[in-house]
Amino acid sequence: MPELLAVCRVHALLPDAGTVGVTAIDKRPVDGRVKARRFGLYADVQADRENHGGPDQAVYAYSQEDAEAWGAELGYEVTPGLFGENLRTRGLAVSDAVIGERWRVGTALLEVTQPRTPCQTFARRLGSPPRWVRRFTQANRTGAYLRVVENGDLGAGDAVEVVHRPTHGVTAADWFGAWNRLDGAPDAADAAKALLVAHDDGDVRLSDELRERAGRALRR
């Protein structure tokens, strides 16, 4: 059974060269159980509210397997929270989760909404490795944002149970790859159509951002 290795919240707001001037990307593991609510984990924050946070990006999850792959490439351990994630999982292919997939973690019910889009704040957090945003994009190990469908509490050691998987089949990595026209990715228009049909049929509730991008993918 997949499990939750760590629950991470903001440790401190850090100065940042971006337009906001500070960043809350410094997430670190916390002990005990943490409440998950509509806007995220209790006592967690997002500094750039225009581009991060909100109900559709309430929680960010990243897998230990993807972190270890990056650790081998970067030459140091990618510890829980280093990528700004709230949840570090093991045994679950987070980047390959289907959009709309639901997980029971502790007493909370979470739903995959969209992949993470890397930014320069993320690069600066890691000390600006060469071409980091491009490298992260091309690797297509995005992790996934989640919304909180049912409030609850969760903690390290909890099982991560996939309780629902939509039939449209488009994963976070599929969509990210399609949108960014990565080699081997599905056609963006095909992925967009599958997602929009699923949304209209009530099989999934797309985030506003993903729905808008899917519409653009059909037109470009």
C-alpha atoms as a PDB file:
ATOM      1  CA  MET A   1       0.000   0.000   0.000  1.00  0.00           C
ATOM      2  CA  PRO A   2       1.394   3.449  -0.862  1.00  0.00           C
ATOM      3  CA  GLU A   3       2.189   5.537   2.181  1.00  0.00           C
ATOM      4  CA  LEU A   4       2.758   9.080   3.314  1.00  0.00           C
ATOM      5  CA  LEU A   5       6.405   9.566   4.274  1.00  0.00           C
ATOM      6  CA  ALA A   6       6.206  13.169   5.453  1.00  0.00           C
ATOM      7  CA  VAL A   7       3.835  16.082   5.895  1.00  0.00           C
ATOM      8  CA  CYS A   8       5.505  19.436   5.250  1.00  0.00           C
ATOM      9  CA  ARG A   9       4.508  23.010   6.034  1.00  0.00           C
ATOM     10  CA  VAL A  10       6.189  26.362   5.613  1.00  0.00           C
ATOM     11  CA  HIS A  11       9.169  26.756   7.917  1.00  0.00           C
ATOM     12  CA  ALA A  12       9.861  30.420   7.231  1.00  0.00           C
ATOM     13  CA  LEU A  13       9.176  33.017   4.587  1.00  0.00           C
ATOM     14  CA  LEU A  14      12.369  33.636   2.630  1.00  0.00           C
ATOM     15  CA  PRO A  15      13.436  36.719   0.670  1.00  0.00           C
ATOM     16  CA  ASP A  16      13.049  36.145  -3.053  1.00  0.00           C
ATOM     17  CA  ALA A  17      13.996  38.055  -6.190  1.00  0.00           C
ATOM     18  CA  GLY A  18      10.527  37.607  -7.683  1.00  0.00           C
ATOM     19  CA  THR A  19       7.826  40.267  -7.843  1.00  0.00           C
ATOM     20  CA  VAL A  20       6.292  39.304  -4.473  1.00  0.00           C
ATOM     21  CA  GLY A  21       9.618  39.691  -2.673  1.00  0.00           C
ATOM     22  CA  VAL A  22       9.211  36.654  -0.429  1.00  0.00           C
ATOM     23  CA  THR A  23       8.475  32.976  -0.922  1.00  0.00           C
ATOM     24  CA  ALA A  24       6.872  30.258   1.200  1.00  0.00           C
ATOM     25  CA  ILE A  25       8.587  27.439  -0.704  1.00  0.00           C
ATOM     26  CA  ASP A  26      10.663  26.500   2.377  1.00  0.00           C
ATOM     27  CA  LYS A  27       8.519  23.542   3.486  1.00  0.00           C
ATOM     28  CA  ARG A  28       9.805  21.119   6.118  1.00  0.00           C
ATOM     29  CA  PRO A  29       8.421  17.979   7.767  1.00  0.00           C
ATOM     30  CA  VAL A  30       6.358  18.365  10.916  1.00  0.00           C
ATOM     31  CA  ASP A  31       5.550  15.840  13.616  1.00  0.00           C
ATOM     32  CA  GLY A  32       2.117  14.603  14.496  1.00  0.00           C
ATOM     33  CA  ARG A  33      -1.112  14.928  12.625  1.00  0.00           C
ATOM     34  CA  VAL A  34      -2.058  17.939  10.527  1.00  0.00           C
ATOM     35  CA  LYS A  35      -5.490  19.180   9.563  1.00  0.00           C
ATOM     36  CA  ALA A  36      -6.291  19.421   5.845  1.00  0.00           C
ATOM     37  CA  ARG A  37      -8.911  21.997   4.952  1.00  0.00           C
ATOM     38  CA  ARG A  38     -10.253  23.699   1.822  1.00  0.00           C
ATOM     39  CA  PHE A  39      -7.263  26.019   1.421  1.00  0.00           C
ATOM     40  CA  GLY A  40      -4.594  23.525   2.459  1.00  0.00           C
ATOM     41  CA  LEU A  41      -2.816  22.268   5.531  1.00  0.00           C
ATOM     42  CA  TYR A  42      -3.285  23.991   8.860  1.00  0.00           C
ATOM     43  CA  ALA A  43      -0.556  26.630   9.450  1.00  0.00           C
ATOM     44  CA  ASP A  44       0.767  26.423   5.887  1.00  0.00           C
ATOM     45  CA  VAL A  45       0.814  29.528   3.669  1.00  0.00           C
ATOM     46  CA  GLN A  46       1.531  30.648   0.112  1.00  0.00           C
ATOM     47  CA  ALA A  47       3.270  33.972  -0.438  1.00  0.00           C
ATOM     48  CA  ASP A  48       2.327  34.399  -4.120  1.00  0.00           C
ATOM     49  CA  ARG A  49      -1.442  34.007  -3.926  1.00  0.00           C
ATOM     50  CA  GLU A  50      -1.903  34.995  -7.571  1.00  0.00           C
ATOM     51  CA  ASN A  51      -0.042  31.933  -8.848  1.00  0.00           C
ATOM     52  CA  HIS A  52      -0.182  29.491  -5.943  1.00  0.00           C
ATOM     53  CA  GLY A  53      -2.691  28.207  -3.451  1.00  0.00           C
ATOM     54  CA  GLY A  54      -6.467  28.359  -3.519  1.00  0.00           C
ATOM     55  CA  PRO A  55      -8.813  25.369  -3.354  1.00  0.00           C
ATOM     56  CA  ASP A  56      -7.480  23.779  -6.556  1.00  0.00           C
ATOM     57  CA  GLN A  57      -3.849  23.987  -5.397  1.00  0.00           C
ATOM     58  CA  ALA A  58      -4.479  23.426  -1.717  1.00  0.00           C
ATOM     59  CA  VAL A  59      -1.899  20.643  -1.332  1.00  0.00           C
ATOM     60  CA  TYR A  60       1.132  19.677  -3.409  1.00  0.00           C
ATOM     61  CA  ALA A  61       2.357  16.060  -3.444  1.00  0.00           C
ATOM     62  CA  TYR A  62       5.642  14.630  -4.673  1.00  0.00           C
ATOM     63  CA  SER A  63       6.848  11.038  -4.708  1.00  0.00           C
ATOM     64  CA  GLN A  64       9.958   9.688  -3.054  1.00  0.00           C
ATOM     65  CA  GLU A  65      10.748   7.814  -6.260  1.00  0.00           C
ATOM     66  CA  ASP A  66      10.845  11.016  -8.322  1.00  0.00           C
ATOM     67  CA  ALA A  67      12.811  12.768  -5.566  1.00  0.00           C
ATOM     68  CA  GLU A  68      15.432  10.016  -5.613  1.00  0.00           C
ATOM     69  CA  ALA A  69      15.762  10.325  -9.391  1.00  0.00           C
ATOM     70  CA  TRP A  70      16.448  14.038  -8.985  1.00  0.00           C
ATOM     71  CA  GLY A  71      18.824  13.363  -6.124  1.00  0.00           C
ATOM     72  CA  ALA A  72      20.920  11.150  -8.375  1.00  0.00           C
ATOM     73  CA  GLU A  73      21.030  13.892 -11.002  1.00  0.00           C
ATOM     74  CA  LEU A  74      21.647  16.814  -8.647  1.00  0.00           C
ATOM     75  CA  GLY A  75      24.167  14.996  -6.475  1.00  0.00           C
ATOM     76  CA  TYR A  76      22.453  15.525  -3.122  1.00  0.00           C
ATOM     77  CA  GLU A  77      19.430  14.185  -1.270  1.00  0.00           C
ATOM     78  CA  VAL A  78      16.124  15.781  -2.148  1.00  0.00           C
ATOM     79  CA  THR A  79      14.728  15.785   1.367  1.00  0.00           C
ATOM     80  CA  PRO A  80      10.976  16.016   2.027  1.00  0.00           C
ATOM     81  CA  GLY A  81       9.758  19.550   1.443  1.00  0.00           C
ATOM     82  CA  LEU A  82      12.781  20.688  -0.581  1.00  0.00           C
ATOM     83  CA  PHE A  83      10.675  20.967  -3.738  1.00  0.00           C
ATOM     84  CA  GLY A  84       8.031  22.890  -1.817  1.00  0.00           C
ATOM     85  CA  GLU A  85       5.755  19.895  -1.479  1.00  0.00           C
ATOM     86  CA  ASN A  86       3.324  19.343   1.375  1.00  0.00           C
ATOM     87  CA  LEU A  87       3.152  15.570   1.018  1.00  0.00           C
ATOM     88  CA  ARG A  88       6.023  13.188   0.264  1.00  0.00           C
ATOM     89  CA  THR A  89       4.700   9.764  -0.737  1.00  0.00           C
ATOM     90  CA  ARG A  90       6.250   6.361  -1.339  1.00  0.00           C
ATOM     91  CA  GLY A  91       4.877   3.623  -3.573  1.00  0.00           C
ATOM     92  CA  LEU A  92       2.589   5.963  -5.528  1.00  0.00           C
ATOM     93  CA  ALA A  93       3.415   7.318  -8.987  1.00  0.00           C
ATOM     94  CA  VAL A  94       2.189  10.828  -8.222  1.00  0.00           C
ATOM     95  CA  SER A  95       3.131  12.325 -11.592  1.00  0.00           C
ATOM     96  CA  ASP A  96       1.171   9.532 -13.282  1.00  0.00           C
ATOM     97  CA  ALA A  97      -1.977  10.101 -11.232  1.00  0.00           C
ATOM     98  CA  VAL A  98      -5.100  10.598 -13.360  1.00  0.00           C
ATOM     99  CA  ILE A  99      -6.603  14.081 -13.222  1.00  0.00           C
ATOM    100  CA  GLY A 100      -9.543  13.758 -10.824  1.00  0.00           C
ATOM    101  CA  GLU A 101      -8.121  10.718  -9.042  1.00  0.00           C
ATOM    102  CA  ARG A 102      -9.055  10.650  -5.358  1.00  0.00           C
ATOM    103  CA  TRP A 103      -6.909   9.562  -2.439  1.00  0.00           C
ATOM    104  CA  ARG A 104      -7.932   8.739   1.098  1.00  0.00           C
ATOM    105  CA  VAL A 105      -5.098   9.822   3.377  1.00  0.00           C
ATOM    106  CA  GLY A 106      -5.835   9.584   7.060  1.00  0.00           C
ATOM    107  CA  THR A 107      -9.354  10.961   7.405  1.00  0.00           C
ATOM    108  CA  ALA A 108      -8.941  13.463   4.539  1.00  0.00           C
ATOM    109  CA  LEU A 109     -10.115  12.901   0.970  1.00  0.00           C
ATOM    110  CA  LEU A 110      -7.893  14.546  -1.640  1.00  0.00           C
ATOM    111  CA  GLU A 111      -8.387  14.936  -5.401  1.00  0.00           C
ATOM    112  CA  VAL A 112      -5.690  15.383  -8.052  1.00  0.00           C
ATOM    113  CA  THR A 113      -6.311  18.609  -9.961  1.00  0.00           C
ATOM    114  CA  GLN A 114      -3.275  19.421 -12.121  1.00  0.00           C
ATOM    115  CA  PRO A 115       0.506  19.120 -12.524  1.00  0.00           C
ATOM    116  CA  ARG A 116       2.962  21.593 -11.071  1.00  0.00           C
ATOM    117  CA  THR A 117       4.416  24.182 -13.454  1.00  0.00           C
ATOM    118  CA  PRO A 118       8.015  25.045 -12.472  1.00  0.00           C
ATOM    119  CA  CYS A 119       9.022  28.661 -11.978  1.00  0.00           C
ATOM    120  CA  GLN A 120      12.140  30.688 -11.273  1.00  0.00           C
ATOM    121  CA  THR A 121      11.352  30.806  -7.553  1.00  0.00           C
ATOM    122  CA  PHE A 122      11.667  27.026  -7.579  1.00  0.00           C
ATOM    123  CA  ALA A 123      15.016  27.312  -9.355  1.00  0.00           C
ATOM    124  CA  ARG A 124      16.279  29.895  -6.861  1.00  0.00           C
ATOM    125  CA  ARG A 125      15.209  27.634  -3.985  1.00  0.00           C
ATOM    126  CA  LEU A 126      17.660  25.022  -5.291  1.00  0.00           C
ATOM    127  CA  GLY A 127      20.484  27.468  -5.851  1.00  0.00           C
ATOM    128  CA  SER A 128      19.653  27.993  -9.536  1.00  0.00           C
ATOM    129  CA  PRO A 129      20.933  24.763 -11.118  1.00  0.00           C
ATOM    130  CA  PRO A 130      21.656  25.319 -14.830  1.00  0.00           C
ATOM    131  CA  ARG A 131      18.443  25.474 -16.927  1.00  0.00           C
ATOM    132  CA  TRP A 132      16.439  24.138 -13.992  1.00  0.00           C
ATOM    133  CA  VAL A 133      12.982  25.127 -15.225  1.00  0.00           C
ATOM    134  CA  ARG A 134      13.676  23.551 -18.616  1.00  0.00           C
ATOM    135  CA  ARG A 135      15.169  20.408 -17.059  1.00  0.00           C
ATOM    136  CA  PHE A 136      12.230  19.957 -14.699  1.00  0.00           C
ATOM    137  CA  THR A 137       9.827  20.461 -17.573  1.00  0.00           C
ATOM    138  CA  GLN A 138      11.540  17.998 -19.899  1.00  0.00           C
ATOM    139  CA  ALA A 139      11.821  15.335 -17.189  1.00  0.00           C
ATOM    140  CA  ASN A 140       8.026  15.512 -16.713  1.00  0.00           C
ATOM    141  CA  ARG A 141       8.222  14.428 -13.073  1.00  0.00           C
ATOM    142  CA  THR A 142       5.857  17.167 -12.013  1.00  0.00           C
ATOM    143  CA  GLY A 143       4.143  15.861  -8.917  1.00  0.00           C
ATOM    144  CA  ALA A 144       0.510  16.872  -8.509  1.00  0.00           C
ATOM    145  CA  TYR A 145      -1.652  19.521  -6.908  1.00  0.00           C
ATOM    146  CA  LEU A 146      -4.704  18.357  -4.992  1.00  0.00           C
ATOM    147  CA  ARG A 147      -7.909  19.843  -3.678  1.00  0.00           C
ATOM    148  CA  VAL A 148      -9.370  18.822  -0.333  1.00  0.00           C
ATOM    149  CA  VAL A 149     -12.717  17.152  -1.012  1.00  0.00           C
ATOM    150  CA  GLU A 150     -13.339  16.118   2.595  1.00  0.00           C
ATOM    151  CA  ASN A 151     -11.659  17.816   5.526  1.00  0.00           C
ATOM    152  CA  GLY A 152      -9.627  15.576   7.783  1.00  0.00           C
ATOM    153  CA  ASP A 153      -6.262  15.053   9.378  1.00  0.00           C
ATOM    154  CA  LEU A 154      -3.229  13.196   8.125  1.00  0.00           C
ATOM    155  CA  GLY A 155       0.269  12.335   9.222  1.00  0.00           C
ATOM    156  CA  ALA A 156       3.455  10.515   8.282  1.00  0.00           C
ATOM    157  CA  GLY A 157       2.887   6.768   8.115  1.00  0.00           C
ATOM    158  CA  ASP A 158      -0.684   7.014   6.843  1.00  0.00           C
ATOM    159  CA  ALA A 159      -1.659   4.803   3.941  1.00  0.00           C
ATOM    160  CA  VAL A 160      -2.479   6.554   0.668  1.00  0.00           C
ATOM    161  CA  GLU A 161      -5.441   4.706  -0.791  1.00  0.00           C
ATOM    162  CA  VAL A 162      -6.634   5.460  -4.320  1.00  0.00           C
ATOM    163  CA  VAL A 163     -10.410   5.286  -3.919  1.00  0.00           C
ATOM    164  CA  HIS A 164     -11.496   6.644  -7.310  1.00  0.00           C
ATOM    165  CA  ARG A 165      -9.872   6.894 -10.718  1.00  0.00           C
ATOM    166  CA  PRO A 166     -11.732   8.642 -13.595  1.00  0.00           C
ATOM    167  CA  THR A 167     -12.134   6.778 -16.862  1.00  0.00           C
ATOM    168  CA  HIS A 168     -10.755   9.524 -19.149  1.00  0.00           C
ATOM    169  CA  GLY A 169      -7.217   8.305 -18.381  1.00  0.00           C
ATOM    170  CA  VAL A 170      -5.321  11.602 -18.773  1.00  0.00           C
ATOM    171  CA  THR A 171      -2.622  11.784 -16.117  1.00  0.00           C
ATOM    172  CA  ALA A 172      -0.884  14.816 -14.682  1.00  0.00           C
ATOM    173  CA  ALA A 173       2.220  13.904 -16.704  1.00  0.00           C
ATOM    174  CA  ASP A 174       0.133  13.317 -19.842  1.00  0.00           C
ATOM    175  CA  TRP A 175      -1.356  16.777 -19.635  1.00  0.00           C
ATOM    176  CA  PHE A 176       1.899  18.506 -18.703  1.00  0.00           C
ATOM    177  CA  GLY A 177       3.709  16.774 -21.535  1.00  0.00           C
ATOM    178  CA  ALA A 178       0.948  17.518 -24.022  1.00  0.00           C
ATOM    179  CA  TRP A 179       0.714  21.187 -23.043  1.00  0.00           C
ATOM    180  CA  ASN A 180       4.484  21.616 -23.278  1.00  0.00           C
ATOM    181  CA  ARG A 181       4.746  19.515 -26.467  1.00  0.00           C
ATOM    182  CA  LEU A 182       7.253  17.107 -24.975  1.00  0.00           C
ATOM    183  CA  ASP A 183       8.492  14.154 -27.003  1.00  0.00           C
ATOM    184  CA  GLY A 184       6.301  11.096 -26.534  1.00  0.00           C
ATOM    185  CA  ALA A 185       3.450  13.035 -24.958  1.00  0.00           C
ATOM    186  CA  PRO A 186      -0.150  12.748 -26.137  1.00  0.00           C
ATOM    187  CA  ASP A 187      -1.481  15.250 -28.633  1.00  0.00           C
ATOM    188  CA  ALA A 188      -2.587  18.321 -26.687  1.00  0.00           C
ATOM    189  CA  ALA A 189      -5.917  18.627 -28.495  1.00  0.00           C
ATOM    190  CA  ASP A 190      -6.737  14.960 -27.860  1.00  0.00           C
ATOM    191  CA  ALA A 191      -5.860  15.235 -24.164  1.00  0.00           C
ATOM    192  CA  ALA A 192      -7.809  18.484 -23.872  1.00  0.00           C
ATOM    193  CA  LYS A 193     -10.887  16.993 -25.516  1.00  0.00           C
ATOM    194  CA  ALA A 194     -10.822  13.965 -23.201  1.00  0.00           C
ATOM    195  CA  LEU A 195     -10.580  16.210 -20.149  1.00  0.00           C
ATOM    196  CA  LEU A 196     -13.300  18.618 -21.247  1.00  0.00           C
ATOM    197  CA  VAL A 197     -15.689  15.793 -22.139  1.00  0.00           C
ATOM    198  CA  ALA A 198     -15.053  14.214 -18.737  1.00  0.00           C
ATOM    199  CA  HIS A 199     -15.680  17.586 -17.086  1.00  0.00           C
ATOM    200  CA  ASP A 200     -18.939  18.124 -18.955  1.00  0.00           C
ATOM    201  CA  ASP A 201     -20.045  14.569 -18.119  1.00  0.00           C
ATOM    202  CA  GLY A 202     -19.348  15.116 -14.423  1.00  0.00           C
ATOM    203  CA  ASP A 203     -16.610  12.485 -14.299  1.00  0.00           C
ATOM    204  CA  VAL A 204     -14.097  15.102 -13.154  1.00  0.00           C
ATOM    205  CA  ARG A 205     -14.138  18.736 -11.999  1.00  0.00           C
ATOM    206  CA  LEU A 206     -11.315  20.547 -13.762  1.00  0.00           C
ATOM    207  CA  SER A 207      -9.540  23.442 -12.114  1.00  0.00           C
ATOM    208  CA  ASP A 208     -10.200  26.802 -13.732  1.00  0.00           C
ATOM    209  CA  GLU A 209      -6.591  26.953 -14.926  1.00  0.00           C
ATOM    210  CA  LEU A 210      -6.637  23.516 -16.522  1.00  0.00           C
ATOM    211  CA  ARG A 211     -10.030  24.084 -18.104  1.00  0.00           C
ATOM    212  CA  GLU A 212      -8.854  27.363 -19.637  1.00  0.00           C
ATOM    213  CA  ARG A 213      -5.692  25.749 -20.972  1.00  0.00           C
ATOM    214  CA  ALA A 214      -7.630  22.816 -22.371  1.00  0.00           C
ATOM    215  CA  GLY A 215      -9.817  25.248 -24.274  1.00  0.00           C
ATOM    216  CA  ARG A 216      -6.727  26.991 -25.627  1.00  0.00           C
ATOM    217  CA  ALA A 217      -5.222  23.641 -26.654  1.00  0.00           C
ATOM    218  CA  LEU A 218      -8.268  22.944 -28.825  1.00  0.00           C
ATOM    219  CA  ARG A 219      -7.836  26.282 -30.595  1.00  0.00           C
ATOM    220  CA  ARG A 220      -4.095  26.349 -31.200  1.00  0.00           C
END
